[in-house]
């Protein structure tokens, strides 16, 4: 790998990590944030995650930043489903959804 390729890869990894850190801070802050600013951060992070990052770097970012892992999972849902989520939380979410749909169905009946 040439020096320029190494620098480009390093820059891509640093960008993805910095944006992942920013998204995590925003999501965990509890303070209101402008929706437009949030969308910009998410859009740029999606672009960074679309770059070909080394597998170990991508795994490190996803394991470190849960919000980014969730975003990444949603970006690839059609191919791999909830592959990064634990089975227990996925089943729990599905059960809660079914219960809510059942309640809504009962409420909508005359």
PDB file of N, CA and C in Angstrom:
ATOM      1  N   UNK A   1       0.855  -1.164   0.000  1.00  0.00           N
ATOM      2  CA  UNK A   1       0.000   0.000   0.000  1.00  0.00           C
ATOM      3  C   UNK A   1       0.903   1.230   0.000  1.00  0.00           C
ATOM      4  N   UNK A   2       0.596   2.183  -0.864  1.00  0.00           N
ATOM      5  CA  UNK A   2       1.429   3.376  -0.960  1.00  0.00           C
ATOM      6  C   UNK A   2       1.174   4.319   0.212  1.00  0.00           C
ATOM      7  N   UNK A   3       2.076   5.252   0.380  1.00  0.00           N
ATOM      8  CA  UNK A   3       1.960   6.223   1.470  1.00  0.00           C
ATOM      9  C   UNK A   3       0.683   7.045   1.347  1.00  0.00           C
ATOM     10  N   UNK A   4       0.330   7.427   0.115  1.00  0.00           N
ATOM     11  CA  UNK A   4      -0.889   8.224  -0.063  1.00  0.00           C
ATOM     12  C   UNK A   4      -2.137   7.413   0.266  1.00  0.00           C
ATOM     13  N   UNK A   5      -2.121   6.104  -0.045  1.00  0.00           N
ATOM     14  CA  UNK A   5      -3.266   5.257   0.300  1.00  0.00           C
ATOM     15  C   UNK A   5      -3.393   5.097   1.811  1.00  0.00           C
ATOM     16  N   UNK A   6      -2.265   4.974   2.484  1.00  0.00           N
ATOM     17  CA  UNK A   6      -2.274   4.865   3.942  1.00  0.00           C
ATOM     18  C   UNK A   6      -2.825   6.143   4.558  1.00  0.00           C
ATOM     19  N   UNK A   7      -2.382   7.287   4.034  1.00  0.00           N
ATOM     20  CA  UNK A   7      -2.861   8.564   4.561  1.00  0.00           C
ATOM     21  C   UNK A   7      -4.350   8.753   4.292  1.00  0.00           C
ATOM     22  N   UNK A   8      -4.793   8.355   3.118  1.00  0.00           N
ATOM     23  CA  UNK A   8      -6.222   8.457   2.793  1.00  0.00           C
ATOM     24  C   UNK A   8      -7.044   7.554   3.710  1.00  0.00           C
ATOM     25  N   UNK A   9      -6.581   6.337   3.923  1.00  0.00           N
ATOM     26  CA  UNK A   9      -7.280   5.412   4.814  1.00  0.00           C
ATOM     27  C   UNK A   9      -7.303   5.955   6.230  1.00  0.00           C
ATOM     28  N   UNK A  10      -6.170   6.439   6.701  1.00  0.00           N
ATOM     29  CA  UNK A  10      -6.092   7.005   8.048  1.00  0.00           C
ATOM     30  C   UNK A  10      -7.046   8.194   8.177  1.00  0.00           C
ATOM     31  N   UNK A  11      -7.095   9.035   7.156  1.00  0.00           N
ATOM     32  CA  UNK A  11      -7.994  10.189   7.181  1.00  0.00           C
ATOM     33  C   UNK A  11      -9.455   9.743   7.219  1.00  0.00           C
ATOM     34  N   UNK A  12      -9.787   8.713   6.446  1.00  0.00           N
ATOM     35  CA  UNK A  12     -11.165   8.205   6.429  1.00  0.00           C
ATOM     36  C   UNK A  12     -11.560   7.636   7.790  1.00  0.00           C
ATOM     37  N   UNK A  13     -10.646   6.891   8.397  1.00  0.00           N
ATOM     38  CA  UNK A  13     -10.915   6.316   9.720  1.00  0.00           C
ATOM     39  C   UNK A  13     -11.069   7.420  10.754  1.00  0.00           C
ATOM     40  N   UNK A  14     -10.180   8.415  10.723  1.00  0.00           N
ATOM     41  CA  UNK A  14     -10.259   9.522  11.675  1.00  0.00           C
ATOM     42  C   UNK A  14     -11.550  10.308  11.511  1.00  0.00           C
ATOM     43  N   UNK A  15     -11.962  10.531  10.262  1.00  0.00           N
ATOM     44  CA  UNK A  15     -13.215  11.248  10.000  1.00  0.00           C
ATOM     45  C   UNK A  15     -14.405  10.468  10.544  1.00  0.00           C
ATOM     46  N   UNK A  16     -14.454   9.170  10.253  1.00  0.00           N
ATOM     47  CA  UNK A  16     -15.561   8.338  10.734  1.00  0.00           C
ATOM     48  C   UNK A  16     -15.600   8.325  12.258  1.00  0.00           C
ATOM     49  N   UNK A  17     -14.447   8.184  12.890  1.00  0.00           N
ATOM     50  CA  UNK A  17     -14.396   8.154  14.356  1.00  0.00           C
ATOM     51  C   UNK A  17     -14.815   9.490  14.958  1.00  0.00           C
ATOM     52  N   UNK A  18     -14.374  10.581  14.377  1.00  0.00           N
ATOM     53  CA  UNK A  18     -14.730  11.912  14.897  1.00  0.00           C
ATOM     54  C   UNK A  18     -16.230  12.161  14.769  1.00  0.00           C
ATOM     55  N   UNK A  19     -16.803  11.803  13.626  1.00  0.00           N
ATOM     56  CA  UNK A  19     -18.243  11.989  13.436  1.00  0.00           C
ATOM     57  C   UNK A  19     -19.048  11.049  14.335  1.00  0.00           C
ATOM     58  N   UNK A  20     -18.568   9.845  14.520  1.00  0.00           N
ATOM     59  CA  UNK A  20     -19.235   8.892  15.417  1.00  0.00           C
ATOM     60  C   UNK A  20     -19.229   9.427  16.846  1.00  0.00           C
ATOM     61  N   UNK A  21     -18.100   9.977  17.252  1.00  0.00           N
ATOM     62  CA  UNK A  21     -17.989  10.560  18.597  1.00  0.00           C
ATOM     63  C   UNK A  21     -18.959  11.734  18.747  1.00  0.00           C
ATOM     64  N   UNK A  22     -19.039  12.577  17.722  1.00  0.00           N
ATOM     65  CA  UNK A  22     -19.948  13.721  17.757  1.00  0.00           C
ATOM     66  C   UNK A  22     -21.401  13.260  17.846  1.00  0.00           C
ATOM     67  N   UNK A  23     -21.771  12.282  17.042  1.00  0.00           N
ATOM     68  CA  UNK A  23     -23.151  11.773  17.096  1.00  0.00           C
ATOM     69  C   UNK A  23     -23.463  11.207  18.472  1.00  0.00           C
ATOM     70  N   UNK A  24     -22.530  10.483  19.039  1.00  0.00           N
ATOM     71  CA  UNK A  24     -22.745   9.900  20.369  1.00  0.00           C
ATOM     72  C   UNK A  24     -22.953  10.999  21.406  1.00  0.00           C
ATOM     73  N   UNK A  25     -22.134  12.041  21.351  1.00  0.00           N
ATOM     74  CA  UNK A  25     -22.281  13.164  22.290  1.00  0.00           C
ATOM     75  C   UNK A  25     -23.633  13.835  22.132  1.00  0.00           C
ATOM     76  N   UNK A  26     -24.060  14.016  20.887  1.00  0.00           N
ATOM     77  CA  UNK A  26     -25.362  14.644  20.626  1.00  0.00           C
ATOM     78  C   UNK A  26     -26.483  13.772  21.188  1.00  0.00           C
ATOM     79  N   UNK A  27     -26.442  12.485  20.875  1.00  0.00           N
ATOM     80  CA  UNK A  27     -27.505  11.570  21.308  1.00  0.00           C
ATOM     81  C   UNK A  27     -27.564  11.424  22.821  1.00  0.00           C
ATOM     82  N   UNK A  28     -26.442  11.505  23.489  1.00  0.00           N
ATOM     83  CA  UNK A  28     -26.390  11.287  24.933  1.00  0.00           C
ATOM     84  C   UNK A  28     -26.477  12.573  25.750  1.00  0.00           C
ATOM     85  N   UNK A  29     -26.441  13.720  25.090  1.00  0.00           N
ATOM     86  CA  UNK A  29     -26.365  14.989  25.826  1.00  0.00           C
ATOM     87  C   UNK A  29     -27.650  15.321  26.578  1.00  0.00           C
ATOM     88  N   UNK A  30     -28.785  14.954  26.019  1.00  0.00           N
ATOM     89  CA  UNK A  30     -30.050  15.308  26.656  1.00  0.00           C
ATOM     90  C   UNK A  30     -30.477  16.737  26.367  1.00  0.00           C
ATOM     91  N   UNK A  31     -29.642  17.468  25.656  1.00  0.00           N
ATOM     92  CA  UNK A  31     -29.970  18.850  25.298  1.00  0.00           C
ATOM     93  C   UNK A  31     -30.596  18.880  23.904  1.00  0.00           C
ATOM     94  N   UNK A  32     -31.500  19.828  23.699  1.00  0.00           N
ATOM     95  CA  UNK A  32     -32.101  19.927  22.364  1.00  0.00           C
ATOM     96  C   UNK A  32     -31.045  20.335  21.328  1.00  0.00           C
ATOM     97  N   UNK A  33     -31.198  19.815  20.133  1.00  0.00           N
ATOM     98  CA  UNK A  33     -30.297  20.182  19.035  1.00  0.00           C
ATOM     99  C   UNK A  33     -31.144  20.465  17.813  1.00  0.00           C
ATOM    100  N   UNK A  34     -30.661  21.353  17.005  1.00  0.00           N
ATOM    101  CA  UNK A  34     -31.352  21.704  15.773  1.00  0.00           C
ATOM    102  C   UNK A  34     -31.424  20.472  14.864  1.00  0.00           C
ATOM    103  N   UNK A  35     -32.602  20.183  14.341  1.00  0.00           N
ATOM    104  CA  UNK A  35     -32.799  18.999  13.503  1.00  0.00           C
ATOM    105  C   UNK A  35     -31.914  19.040  12.259  1.00  0.00           C
ATOM    106  N   UNK A  36     -31.745  20.219  11.690  1.00  0.00           N
ATOM    107  CA  UNK A  36     -30.899  20.361  10.504  1.00  0.00           C
ATOM    108  C   UNK A  36     -29.452  20.009  10.797  1.00  0.00           C
ATOM    109  N   UNK A  37     -28.968  20.448  11.959  1.00  0.00           N
ATOM    110  CA  UNK A  37     -27.597  20.124  12.348  1.00  0.00           C
ATOM    111  C   UNK A  37     -27.443  18.627  12.567  1.00  0.00           C
ATOM    112  N   UNK A  38     -28.432  18.020  13.203  1.00  0.00           N
ATOM    113  CA  UNK A  38     -28.393  16.580  13.444  1.00  0.00           C
ATOM    114  C   UNK A  38     -28.346  15.824  12.118  1.00  0.00           C
ATOM    115  N   UNK A  39     -29.182  16.253  11.178  1.00  0.00           N
ATOM    116  CA  UNK A  39     -29.222  15.587   9.879  1.00  0.00           C
ATOM    117  C   UNK A  39     -27.894  15.725   9.135  1.00  0.00           C
ATOM    118  N   UNK A  40     -27.239  16.865   9.284  1.00  0.00           N
ATOM    119  CA  UNK A  40     -25.928  17.061   8.649  1.00  0.00           C
ATOM    120  C   UNK A  40     -24.909  16.092   9.224  1.00  0.00           C
ATOM    121  N   UNK A  41     -24.879  15.974  10.561  1.00  0.00           N
ATOM    122  CA  UNK A  41     -23.935  15.054  11.201  1.00  0.00           C
ATOM    123  C   UNK A  41     -24.210  13.621  10.739  1.00  0.00           C
ATOM    124  N   UNK A  42     -25.468  13.210  10.740  1.00  0.00           N
ATOM    125  CA  UNK A  42     -25.817  11.847  10.329  1.00  0.00           C
ATOM    126  C   UNK A  42     -25.474  11.633   8.858  1.00  0.00           C
ATOM    127  N   UNK A  43     -25.761  12.602   8.003  1.00  0.00           N
ATOM    128  CA  UNK A  43     -25.460  12.469   6.578  1.00  0.00           C
ATOM    129  C   UNK A  43     -23.964  12.325   6.340  1.00  0.00           C
ATOM    130  N   UNK A  44     -23.185  13.138   7.005  1.00  0.00           N
ATOM    131  CA  UNK A  44     -21.730  13.061   6.840  1.00  0.00           C
ATOM    132  C   UNK A  44     -21.178  11.753   7.411  1.00  0.00           C
ATOM    133  N   UNK A  45     -21.753  11.301   8.516  1.00  0.00           N
ATOM    134  CA  UNK A  45     -21.316  10.031   9.093  1.00  0.00           C
ATOM    135  C   UNK A  45     -21.665   8.872   8.156  1.00  0.00           C
ATOM    136  N   UNK A  46     -22.853   8.913   7.556  1.00  0.00           N
ATOM    137  CA  UNK A  46     -23.227   7.873   6.600  1.00  0.00           C
ATOM    138  C   UNK A  46     -22.241   7.845   5.437  1.00  0.00           C
ATOM    139  N   UNK A  47     -21.857   9.027   4.950  1.00  0.00           N
ATOM    140  CA  UNK A  47     -20.864   9.089   3.872  1.00  0.00           C
ATOM    141  C   UNK A  47     -19.539   8.485   4.324  1.00  0.00           C
ATOM    142  N   UNK A  48     -19.126   8.798   5.548  1.00  0.00           N
ATOM    143  CA  UNK A  48     -17.864   8.271   6.076  1.00  0.00           C
ATOM    144  C   UNK A  48     -17.922   6.758   6.234  1.00  0.00           C
ATOM    145  N   UNK A  49     -19.074   6.239   6.631  1.00  0.00           N
ATOM    146  CA  UNK A  49     -19.214   4.797   6.802  1.00  0.00           C
ATOM    147  C   UNK A  49     -19.315   4.072   5.464  1.00  0.00           C
ATOM    148  N   UNK A  50     -19.681   4.805   4.422  1.00  0.00           N
ATOM    149  CA  UNK A  50     -19.776   4.232   3.087  1.00  0.00           C
ATOM    150  C   UNK A  50     -18.391   4.067   2.465  1.00  0.00           C
ATOM    151  N   UNK A  51     -17.428   4.927   2.900  1.00  0.00           N
ATOM    152  CA  UNK A  51     -16.045   4.762   2.441  1.00  0.00           C
ATOM    153  C   UNK A  51     -15.561   3.382   2.839  1.00  0.00           C
ATOM    154  N   UNK A  52     -14.653   2.846   2.071  1.00  0.00           N
ATOM    155  CA  UNK A  52     -14.113   1.516   2.390  1.00  0.00           C
ATOM    156  C   UNK A  52     -13.133   1.650   3.547  1.00  0.00           C
ATOM    157  N   UNK A  53     -13.637   1.415   4.747  1.00  0.00           N
ATOM    158  CA  UNK A  53     -12.798   1.439   5.943  1.00  0.00           C
ATOM    159  C   UNK A  53     -12.261   0.033   6.180  1.00  0.00           C
ATOM    160  N   UNK A  54     -11.062  -0.076   6.725  1.00  0.00           N
ATOM    161  CA  UNK A  54     -10.570  -1.404   7.090  1.00  0.00           C
ATOM    162  C   UNK A  54     -11.530  -2.053   8.088  1.00  0.00           C
ATOM    163  N   UNK A  55     -11.730  -3.350   7.957  1.00  0.00           N
ATOM    164  CA  UNK A  55     -12.689  -4.064   8.801  1.00  0.00           C
ATOM    165  C   UNK A  55     -12.434  -3.856  10.290  1.00  0.00           C
ATOM    166  N   UNK A  56     -11.182  -3.909  10.699  1.00  0.00           N
ATOM    167  CA  UNK A  56     -10.890  -3.752  12.125  1.00  0.00           C
ATOM    168  C   UNK A  56     -11.198  -2.342  12.611  1.00  0.00           C
ATOM    169  N   UNK A  57     -10.964  -1.341  11.763  1.00  0.00           N
ATOM    170  CA  UNK A  57     -11.276   0.040  12.146  1.00  0.00           C
ATOM    171  C   UNK A  57     -12.786   0.238  12.232  1.00  0.00           C
ATOM    172  N   UNK A  58     -13.508  -0.287  11.248  1.00  0.00           N
ATOM    173  CA  UNK A  58     -14.968  -0.180  11.265  1.00  0.00           C
ATOM    174  C   UNK A  58     -15.546  -0.871  12.495  1.00  0.00           C
ATOM    175  N   UNK A  59     -15.067  -2.054  12.791  1.00  0.00           N
ATOM    176  CA  UNK A  59     -15.538  -2.792  13.965  1.00  0.00           C
ATOM    177  C   UNK A  59     -15.260  -2.006  15.242  1.00  0.00           C
ATOM    178  N   UNK A  60     -14.086  -1.406  15.339  1.00  0.00           N
ATOM    179  CA  UNK A  60     -13.733  -0.619  16.529  1.00  0.00           C
ATOM    180  C   UNK A  60     -14.675   0.573  16.688  1.00  0.00           C
ATOM    181  N   UNK A  61     -14.962   1.269  15.600  1.00  0.00           N
ATOM    182  CA  UNK A  61     -15.868   2.420  15.662  1.00  0.00           C
ATOM    183  C   UNK A  61     -17.265   1.963  16.075  1.00  0.00           C
ATOM    184  N   UNK A  62     -17.756   0.896  15.464  1.00  0.00           N
ATOM    185  CA  UNK A  62     -19.111   0.416  15.768  1.00  0.00           C
ATOM    186  C   UNK A  62     -19.224  -0.114  17.192  1.00  0.00           C
ATOM    187  N   UNK A  63     -18.168  -0.745  17.692  1.00  0.00           N
ATOM    188  CA  UNK A  63     -18.198  -1.255  19.063  1.00  0.00           C
ATOM    189  C   UNK A  63     -18.067  -0.144  20.099  1.00  0.00           C
ATOM    190  N   UNK A  64     -17.464   0.956  19.713  1.00  0.00           N
ATOM    191  CA  UNK A  64     -17.242   2.070  20.641  1.00  0.00           C
ATOM    192  C   UNK A  64     -18.444   3.009  20.713  1.00  0.00           C
ATOM    193  N   UNK A  65     -19.131   3.193  19.593  1.00  0.00           N
ATOM    194  CA  UNK A  65     -20.204   4.186  19.506  1.00  0.00           C
ATOM    195  C   UNK A  65     -21.530   3.521  19.139  1.00  0.00           C
ATOM    196  N   UNK A  66     -22.375   3.257  20.137  1.00  0.00           N
ATOM    197  CA  UNK A  66     -23.650   2.569  19.880  1.00  0.00           C
ATOM    198  C   UNK A  66     -24.565   3.290  18.884  1.00  0.00           C
ATOM    199  N   UNK A  67     -24.580   4.605  18.911  1.00  0.00           N
ATOM    200  CA  UNK A  67     -25.437   5.336  17.967  1.00  0.00           C
ATOM    201  C   UNK A  67     -24.987   5.105  16.535  1.00  0.00           C
ATOM    202  N   UNK A  68     -23.687   5.043  16.330  1.00  0.00           N
ATOM    203  CA  UNK A  68     -23.152   4.788  15.000  1.00  0.00           C
ATOM    204  C   UNK A  68     -23.421   3.347  14.588  1.00  0.00           C
ATOM    205  N   UNK A  69     -23.328   2.422  15.528  1.00  0.00           N
ATOM    206  CA  UNK A  69     -23.634   1.023  15.226  1.00  0.00           C
ATOM    207  C   UNK A  69     -25.089   0.883  14.784  1.00  0.00           C
ATOM    208  N   UNK A  70     -25.971   1.590  15.451  1.00  0.00           N
ATOM    209  CA  UNK A  70     -27.388   1.548  15.080  1.00  0.00           C
ATOM    210  C   UNK A  70     -27.601   2.147  13.689  1.00  0.00           C
ATOM    211  N   UNK A  71     -26.948   3.267  13.420  1.00  0.00           N
ATOM    212  CA  UNK A  71     -27.040   3.892  12.102  1.00  0.00           C
ATOM    213  C   UNK A  71     -26.519   2.945  11.025  1.00  0.00           C
ATOM    214  N   UNK A  72     -25.383   2.334  11.269  1.00  0.00           N
ATOM    215  CA  UNK A  72     -24.772   1.407  10.314  1.00  0.00           C
ATOM    216  C   UNK A  72     -25.699   0.216  10.061  1.00  0.00           C
ATOM    217  N   UNK A  73     -26.271  -0.296  11.117  1.00  0.00           N
ATOM    218  CA  UNK A  73     -27.194  -1.416  10.994  1.00  0.00           C
ATOM    219  C   UNK A  73     -28.408  -1.029  10.150  1.00  0.00           C
ATOM    220  N   UNK A  74     -28.932   0.164  10.372  1.00  0.00           N
ATOM    221  CA  UNK A  74     -30.076   0.633   9.593  1.00  0.00           C
ATOM    222  C   UNK A  74     -29.705   0.852   8.127  1.00  0.00           C
ATOM    223  N   UNK A  75     -28.463   1.281   7.884  1.00  0.00           N
ATOM    224  CA  UNK A  75     -28.000   1.484   6.507  1.00  0.00           C
ATOM    225  C   UNK A  75     -27.939   0.159   5.743  1.00  0.00           C
ATOM    226  N   UNK A  76     -27.711  -0.942   6.457  1.00  0.00           N
ATOM    227  CA  UNK A  76     -27.538  -2.246   5.822  1.00  0.00           C
ATOM    228  C   UNK A  76     -28.654  -3.225   6.182  1.00  0.00           C
ATOM    229  N   UNK A  77     -29.766  -2.705   6.642  1.00  0.00           N
ATOM    230  CA  UNK A  77     -30.862  -3.554   7.128  1.00  0.00           C
ATOM    231  C   UNK A  77     -31.361  -4.518   6.054  1.00  0.00           C
ATOM    232  N   UNK A  78     -31.502  -4.027   4.808  1.00  0.00           N
ATOM    233  CA  UNK A  78     -32.064  -4.870   3.754  1.00  0.00           C
ATOM    234  C   UNK A  78     -31.173  -6.069   3.444  1.00  0.00           C
ATOM    235  N   UNK A  79     -29.883  -5.975   3.761  1.00  0.00           N
ATOM    236  CA  UNK A  79     -28.958  -7.073   3.493  1.00  0.00           C
ATOM    237  C   UNK A  79     -28.754  -7.998   4.690  1.00  0.00           C
ATOM    238  N   UNK A  80     -28.715  -7.401   5.882  1.00  0.00           N
ATOM    239  CA  UNK A  80     -28.339  -8.221   7.042  1.00  0.00           C
ATOM    240  C   UNK A  80     -29.275  -8.098   8.233  1.00  0.00           C
ATOM    241  N   UNK A  81     -30.348  -7.349   8.100  1.00  0.00           N
ATOM    242  CA  UNK A  81     -31.285  -7.209   9.214  1.00  0.00           C
ATOM    243  C   UNK A  81     -30.629  -6.566  10.417  1.00  0.00           C
ATOM    244  N   UNK A  82     -31.046  -6.958  11.580  1.00  0.00           N
ATOM    245  CA  UNK A  82     -30.502  -6.402  12.814  1.00  0.00           C
ATOM    246  C   UNK A  82     -29.309  -7.237  13.265  1.00  0.00           C
ATOM    247  N   UNK A  83     -28.316  -7.297  12.429  1.00  0.00           N
ATOM    248  CA  UNK A  83     -27.194  -8.199  12.683  1.00  0.00           C
ATOM    249  C   UNK A  83     -26.293  -7.750  13.829  1.00  0.00           C
ATOM    250  N   UNK A  84     -26.300  -6.478  14.172  1.00  0.00           N
ATOM    251  CA  UNK A  84     -25.451  -6.005  15.257  1.00  0.00           C
ATOM    252  C   UNK A  84     -26.198  -5.949  16.582  1.00  0.00           C
ATOM    253  N   UNK A  85     -27.507  -6.059  16.534  1.00  0.00           N
ATOM    254  CA  UNK A  85     -28.307  -6.029  17.756  1.00  0.00           C
ATOM    255  C   UNK A  85     -28.386  -7.425  18.350  1.00  0.00           C
ATOM    256  N   UNK A  86     -28.483  -7.453  19.667  1.00  0.00           N
ATOM    257  CA  UNK A  86     -28.637  -8.754  20.305  1.00  0.00           C
ATOM    258  C   UNK A  86     -30.004  -9.321  19.957  1.00  0.00           C
ATOM    259  N   UNK A  87     -30.083 -10.618  19.888  1.00  0.00           N
ATOM    260  CA  UNK A  87     -31.335 -11.282  19.557  1.00  0.00           C
ATOM    261  C   UNK A  87     -32.405 -10.952  20.583  1.00  0.00           C
ATOM    262  N   UNK A  88     -32.002 -10.882  21.845  1.00  0.00           N
ATOM    263  CA  UNK A  88     -32.958 -10.592  22.915  1.00  0.00           C
ATOM    264  C   UNK A  88     -33.621  -9.234  22.710  1.00  0.00           C
ATOM    265  N   UNK A  89     -32.840  -8.205  22.400  1.00  0.00           N
ATOM    266  CA  UNK A  89     -33.432  -6.875  22.219  1.00  0.00           C
ATOM    267  C   UNK A  89     -34.275  -6.826  20.952  1.00  0.00           C
ATOM    268  N   UNK A  90     -33.879  -7.545  19.907  1.00  0.00           N
ATOM    269  CA  UNK A  90     -34.669  -7.577  18.682  1.00  0.00           C
ATOM    270  C   UNK A  90     -36.013  -8.254  18.925  1.00  0.00           C
ATOM    271  N   UNK A  91     -36.010  -9.371  19.635  1.00  0.00           N
ATOM    272  CA  UNK A  91     -37.254 -10.083  19.941  1.00  0.00           C
ATOM    273  C   UNK A  91     -38.142  -9.229  20.838  1.00  0.00           C
ATOM    274  N   UNK A  92     -37.546  -8.583  21.815  1.00  0.00           N
ATOM    275  CA  UNK A  92     -38.298  -7.714  22.717  1.00  0.00           C
ATOM    276  C   UNK A  92     -38.956  -6.568  21.950  1.00  0.00           C
ATOM    277  N   UNK A  93     -38.209  -5.956  21.041  1.00  0.00           N
ATOM    278  CA  UNK A  93     -38.760  -4.863  20.238  1.00  0.00           C
ATOM    279  C   UNK A  93     -39.908  -5.357  19.359  1.00  0.00           C
ATOM    280  N   UNK A  94     -39.754  -6.540  18.795  1.00  0.00           N
ATOM    281  CA  UNK A  94     -40.818  -7.099  17.961  1.00  0.00           C
ATOM    282  C   UNK A  94     -42.062  -7.402  18.787  1.00  0.00           C
ATOM    283  N   UNK A  95     -41.889  -7.940  19.977  1.00  0.00           N
ATOM    284  CA  UNK A  95     -43.034  -8.238  20.843  1.00  0.00           C
ATOM    285  C   UNK A  95     -43.754  -6.960  21.261  1.00  0.00           C
ATOM    286  N   UNK A  96     -43.001  -5.931  21.609  1.00  0.00           N
ATOM    287  CA  UNK A  96     -43.608  -4.655  21.994  1.00  0.00           C
ATOM    288  C   UNK A  96     -44.377  -4.052  20.819  1.00  0.00           C
ATOM    289  N   UNK A  97     -43.829  -4.179  19.623  1.00  0.00           N
ATOM    290  CA  UNK A  97     -44.505  -3.668  18.432  1.00  0.00           C
ATOM    291  C   UNK A  97     -45.812  -4.406  18.193  1.00  0.00           C
ATOM    292  N   UNK A  98     -45.778  -5.715  18.332  1.00  0.00           N
ATOM    293  CA  UNK A  98     -46.994  -6.511  18.137  1.00  0.00           C
ATOM    294  C   UNK A  98     -48.066  -6.140  19.164  1.00  0.00           C
ATOM    295  N   UNK A  99     -47.656  -5.923  20.421  1.00  0.00           N
ATOM    296  CA  UNK A  99     -48.604  -5.532  21.461  1.00  0.00           C
ATOM    297  C   UNK A  99     -49.221  -4.174  21.139  1.00  0.00           C
ATOM    298  N   UNK A 100     -48.388  -3.230  20.696  1.00  0.00           N
ATOM    299  CA  UNK A 100     -48.886  -1.902  20.357  1.00  0.00           C
ATOM    300  C   UNK A 100     -49.840  -1.967  19.176  1.00  0.00           C
ATOM    301  N   UNK A 101     -49.482  -2.724  18.160  1.00  0.00           N
ATOM    302  CA  UNK A 101     -50.378  -2.877  17.009  1.00  0.00           C
ATOM    303  C   UNK A 101     -51.701  -3.511  17.413  1.00  0.00           C
ATOM    304  N   UNK A 102     -51.649  -4.471  18.320  1.00  0.00           N
ATOM    305  CA  UNK A 102     -52.882  -5.083  18.820  1.00  0.00           C
ATOM    306  C   UNK A 102     -53.764  -4.084  19.536  1.00  0.00           C
ATOM    307  N   UNK A 103     -53.171  -3.256  20.384  1.00  0.00           N
ATOM    308  CA  UNK A 103     -53.930  -2.235  21.106  1.00  0.00           C
ATOM    309  C   UNK A 103     -54.531  -1.222  20.142  1.00  0.00           C
ATOM    310  N   UNK A 104     -53.741  -0.793  19.170  1.00  0.00           N
ATOM    311  CA  UNK A 104     -54.236   0.167  18.185  1.00  0.00           C
ATOM    312  C   UNK A 104     -55.366  -0.428  17.355  1.00  0.00           C
ATOM    313  N   UNK A 105     -55.250  -1.704  17.044  1.00  0.00           N
ATOM    314  CA  UNK A 105     -56.295  -2.375  16.296  1.00  0.00           C
ATOM    315  C   UNK A 105     -57.602  -2.406  17.086  1.00  0.00           C
ATOM    316  N   UNK A 106     -57.512  -2.696  18.387  1.00  0.00           N
ATOM    317  CA  UNK A 106     -58.706  -2.723  19.230  1.00  0.00           C
ATOM    318  C   UNK A 106     -59.325  -1.335  19.366  1.00  0.00           C
ATOM    319  N   UNK A 107     -58.499  -0.305  19.452  1.00  0.00           N
ATOM    320  CA  UNK A 107     -58.993   1.067  19.607  1.00  0.00           C
ATOM    321  C   UNK A 107     -59.692   1.557  18.350  1.00  0.00           C
ATOM    322  N   UNK A 108     -59.289   1.075  17.209  1.00  0.00           N
ATOM    323  CA  UNK A 108     -59.858   1.566  15.949  1.00  0.00           C
ATOM    324  C   UNK A 108     -61.170   0.881  15.586  1.00  0.00           C
ATOM    325  N   UNK A 109     -61.510  -0.170  16.313  1.00  0.00           N
ATOM    326  CA  UNK A 109     -62.779  -0.865  16.031  1.00  0.00           C
ATOM    327  C   UNK A 109     -63.927  -0.064  16.601  1.00  0.00           C
ATOM    328  N   UNK A 110     -65.065  -0.022  15.848  1.00  0.00           N
ATOM    329  CA  UNK A 110     -66.246   0.731  16.332  1.00  0.00           C
ATOM    330  C   UNK A 110     -66.957   0.061  17.474  1.00  0.00           C
TER     331      UNK A 110
END
